[in-house]
Amino acid sequence: MDKAAAQPIDLYDAISEMKRISLAGGTFSLTFRKWNRQTRNGGDVVKINAARIRPKAKDDKISDASYKLFFTDTETGLARNCWQVLITEFNGRRTVLN
């Protein structure tokens, strides 16, 4: 593993990079923790090997959409989303909130 890949990355820098990769037609990997506000249950870790950002929903359509990352799992074709602050890895690099 090269030195850059071992370095943590700021979460919002990672999201910007995800957008750049997606616009270029590429894919990225991410790992996040699940959280369900209705059941107040979560903690399961999800690893997506190949994802691409998709347009985010509007807050009036999906509650708190501005705080979520909307993406497509390109291996399954499923449209998914997760809470941005629960993203723990991007392309093998640990994410941090600065």
C-alpha atoms as a PDB file:
ATOM      1  CA  MET A   1       0.000   0.000   0.000  1.00  0.00           C
ATOM      2  CA  ASP A   2       1.422   3.384  -0.904  1.00  0.00           C
ATOM      3  CA  LYS A   3       1.899   6.070   1.710  1.00  0.00           C
ATOM      4  CA  ALA A   4      -0.947   8.299   0.426  1.00  0.00           C
ATOM      5  CA  ALA A   5      -3.443   5.439   0.658  1.00  0.00           C
ATOM      6  CA  ALA A   6      -2.486   4.887   4.299  1.00  0.00           C
ATOM      7  CA  GLN A   7      -3.164   8.526   5.222  1.00  0.00           C
ATOM      8  CA  PRO A   8      -6.625   9.466   6.529  1.00  0.00           C
ATOM      9  CA  ILE A   9      -8.678  11.815   4.378  1.00  0.00           C
ATOM     10  CA  ASP A  10     -11.046  14.557   5.499  1.00  0.00           C
ATOM     11  CA  LEU A  11     -14.616  13.356   4.981  1.00  0.00           C
ATOM     12  CA  TYR A  12     -15.668  16.351   2.907  1.00  0.00           C
ATOM     13  CA  ASP A  13     -12.525  16.136   0.767  1.00  0.00           C
ATOM     14  CA  ALA A  14     -13.414  12.479   0.203  1.00  0.00           C
ATOM     15  CA  ILE A  15     -16.949  13.420  -0.872  1.00  0.00           C
ATOM     16  CA  SER A  16     -15.549  15.998  -3.294  1.00  0.00           C
ATOM     17  CA  GLU A  17     -13.240  13.332  -4.701  1.00  0.00           C
ATOM     18  CA  MET A  18     -16.186  10.908  -5.031  1.00  0.00           C
ATOM     19  CA  LYS A  19     -18.023  13.525  -7.089  1.00  0.00           C
ATOM     20  CA  ARG A  20     -14.967  14.141  -9.287  1.00  0.00           C
ATOM     21  CA  ILE A  21     -14.456  10.416  -9.908  1.00  0.00           C
ATOM     22  CA  SER A  22     -18.149   9.945 -10.709  1.00  0.00           C
ATOM     23  CA  LEU A  23     -18.220  12.866 -13.151  1.00  0.00           C
ATOM     24  CA  ALA A  24     -15.248  11.306 -14.945  1.00  0.00           C
ATOM     25  CA  GLY A  25     -17.202   8.039 -15.266  1.00  0.00           C
ATOM     26  CA  GLY A  26     -15.188   6.129 -12.673  1.00  0.00           C
ATOM     27  CA  THR A  27     -16.173   4.296  -9.527  1.00  0.00           C
ATOM     28  CA  PHE A  28     -14.900   4.321  -5.957  1.00  0.00           C
ATOM     29  CA  SER A  29     -15.250   2.164  -2.867  1.00  0.00           C
ATOM     30  CA  LEU A  30     -16.714   3.269   0.426  1.00  0.00           C
ATOM     31  CA  THR A  31     -17.511   1.828   3.811  1.00  0.00           C
ATOM     32  CA  PHE A  32     -20.171   3.232   6.099  1.00  0.00           C
ATOM     33  CA  ARG A  33     -22.208   2.395   9.170  1.00  0.00           C
ATOM     34  CA  LYS A  34     -25.946   1.952   8.852  1.00  0.00           C
ATOM     35  CA  TRP A  35     -28.363   4.030  10.946  1.00  0.00           C
ATOM     36  CA  ASN A  36     -32.154   3.929  10.958  1.00  0.00           C
ATOM     37  CA  ARG A  37     -33.709   6.946  12.676  1.00  0.00           C
ATOM     38  CA  GLN A  38     -37.144   5.353  12.985  1.00  0.00           C
ATOM     39  CA  THR A  39     -35.926   2.278  14.853  1.00  0.00           C
ATOM     40  CA  ARG A  40     -32.870   4.025  16.347  1.00  0.00           C
ATOM     41  CA  ASN A  41     -30.936   0.956  15.290  1.00  0.00           C
ATOM     42  CA  GLY A  42     -27.704   0.677  13.385  1.00  0.00           C
ATOM     43  CA  GLY A  43     -24.038   0.017  13.629  1.00  0.00           C
ATOM     44  CA  ASP A  44     -23.802  -2.590  10.882  1.00  0.00           C
ATOM     45  CA  VAL A  45     -20.877  -1.901   8.563  1.00  0.00           C
ATOM     46  CA  VAL A  46     -21.534  -1.847   4.822  1.00  0.00           C
ATOM     47  CA  LYS A  47     -18.748  -2.082   2.225  1.00  0.00           C
ATOM     48  CA  ILE A  48     -19.521  -0.980  -1.328  1.00  0.00           C
ATOM     49  CA  ASN A  49     -16.788  -2.002  -3.763  1.00  0.00           C
ATOM     50  CA  ALA A  50     -17.849   0.089  -6.755  1.00  0.00           C
ATOM     51  CA  ALA A  51     -20.068   3.140  -6.390  1.00  0.00           C
ATOM     52  CA  ARG A  52     -20.915   6.235  -8.368  1.00  0.00           C
ATOM     53  CA  ILE A  53     -22.537   9.410  -7.012  1.00  0.00           C
ATOM     54  CA  ARG A  54     -26.077  10.107  -8.205  1.00  0.00           C
ATOM     55  CA  PRO A  55     -28.050  13.352  -7.864  1.00  0.00           C
ATOM     56  CA  LYS A  56     -29.176  14.020  -4.317  1.00  0.00           C
ATOM     57  CA  ALA A  57     -32.815  14.305  -3.418  1.00  0.00           C
ATOM     58  CA  LYS A  58     -34.307  17.562  -2.221  1.00  0.00           C
ATOM     59  CA  ASP A  59     -34.870  18.012   1.514  1.00  0.00           C
ATOM     60  CA  ASP A  60     -38.609  18.431   0.919  1.00  0.00           C
ATOM     61  CA  LYS A  61     -38.709  14.985  -0.749  1.00  0.00           C
ATOM     62  CA  ILE A  62     -36.409  13.070   1.613  1.00  0.00           C
ATOM     63  CA  SER A  63     -35.855  14.253   5.149  1.00  0.00           C
ATOM     64  CA  ASP A  64     -32.338  15.617   5.770  1.00  0.00           C
ATOM     65  CA  ALA A  65     -31.201  14.799   2.224  1.00  0.00           C
ATOM     66  CA  SER A  66     -28.453  17.419   2.524  1.00  0.00           C
ATOM     67  CA  TYR A  67     -26.729  15.238   5.120  1.00  0.00           C
ATOM     68  CA  LYS A  68     -26.855  12.064   3.055  1.00  0.00           C
ATOM     69  CA  LEU A  69     -24.713  10.728   0.238  1.00  0.00           C
ATOM     70  CA  PHE A  70     -26.746   9.385  -2.683  1.00  0.00           C
ATOM     71  CA  PHE A  71     -24.961   6.808  -4.800  1.00  0.00           C
ATOM     72  CA  THR A  72     -25.474   3.815  -7.054  1.00  0.00           C
ATOM     73  CA  ASP A  73     -23.843   0.494  -6.224  1.00  0.00           C
ATOM     74  CA  THR A  74     -22.578  -0.253  -9.721  1.00  0.00           C
ATOM     75  CA  GLU A  75     -22.131  -3.963  -8.954  1.00  0.00           C
ATOM     76  CA  THR A  76     -25.827  -4.437  -8.167  1.00  0.00           C
ATOM     77  CA  GLY A  77     -27.349  -1.415  -9.908  1.00  0.00           C
ATOM     78  CA  LEU A  78     -29.148  -0.462  -6.687  1.00  0.00           C
ATOM     79  CA  ALA A  79     -29.678   3.179  -5.763  1.00  0.00           C
ATOM     80  CA  ARG A  80     -28.460   3.619  -2.183  1.00  0.00           C
ATOM     81  CA  ASN A  81     -27.814   6.371   0.329  1.00  0.00           C
ATOM     82  CA  CYS A  82     -26.052   6.770   3.639  1.00  0.00           C
ATOM     83  CA  TRP A  83     -25.454   9.466   6.220  1.00  0.00           C
ATOM     84  CA  GLN A  84     -22.331  11.395   5.205  1.00  0.00           C
ATOM     85  CA  VAL A  85     -20.919  11.501   8.745  1.00  0.00           C
ATOM     86  CA  LEU A  86     -21.136   7.697   8.981  1.00  0.00           C
ATOM     87  CA  ILE A  87     -18.778   7.128   6.037  1.00  0.00           C
ATOM     88  CA  THR A  88     -15.702   5.487   7.536  1.00  0.00           C
ATOM     89  CA  GLU A  89     -13.588   4.737   4.451  1.00  0.00           C
ATOM     90  CA  PHE A  90     -13.145   6.019   0.922  1.00  0.00           C
ATOM     91  CA  ASN A  91     -11.034   3.968  -1.524  1.00  0.00           C
ATOM     92  CA  GLY A  92      -9.369   2.205   1.400  1.00  0.00           C
ATOM     93  CA  ARG A  93      -8.532   5.417   3.271  1.00  0.00           C
ATOM     94  CA  ARG A  94     -10.024   6.093   6.680  1.00  0.00           C
ATOM     95  CA  THR A  95     -12.158   9.237   6.711  1.00  0.00           C
ATOM     96  CA  VAL A  96     -11.916  11.821   9.484  1.00  0.00           C
ATOM     97  CA  LEU A  97     -13.963  14.868  10.412  1.00  0.00           C
ATOM     98  CA  ASN A  98     -11.779  17.939  10.774  1.00  0.00           C
END
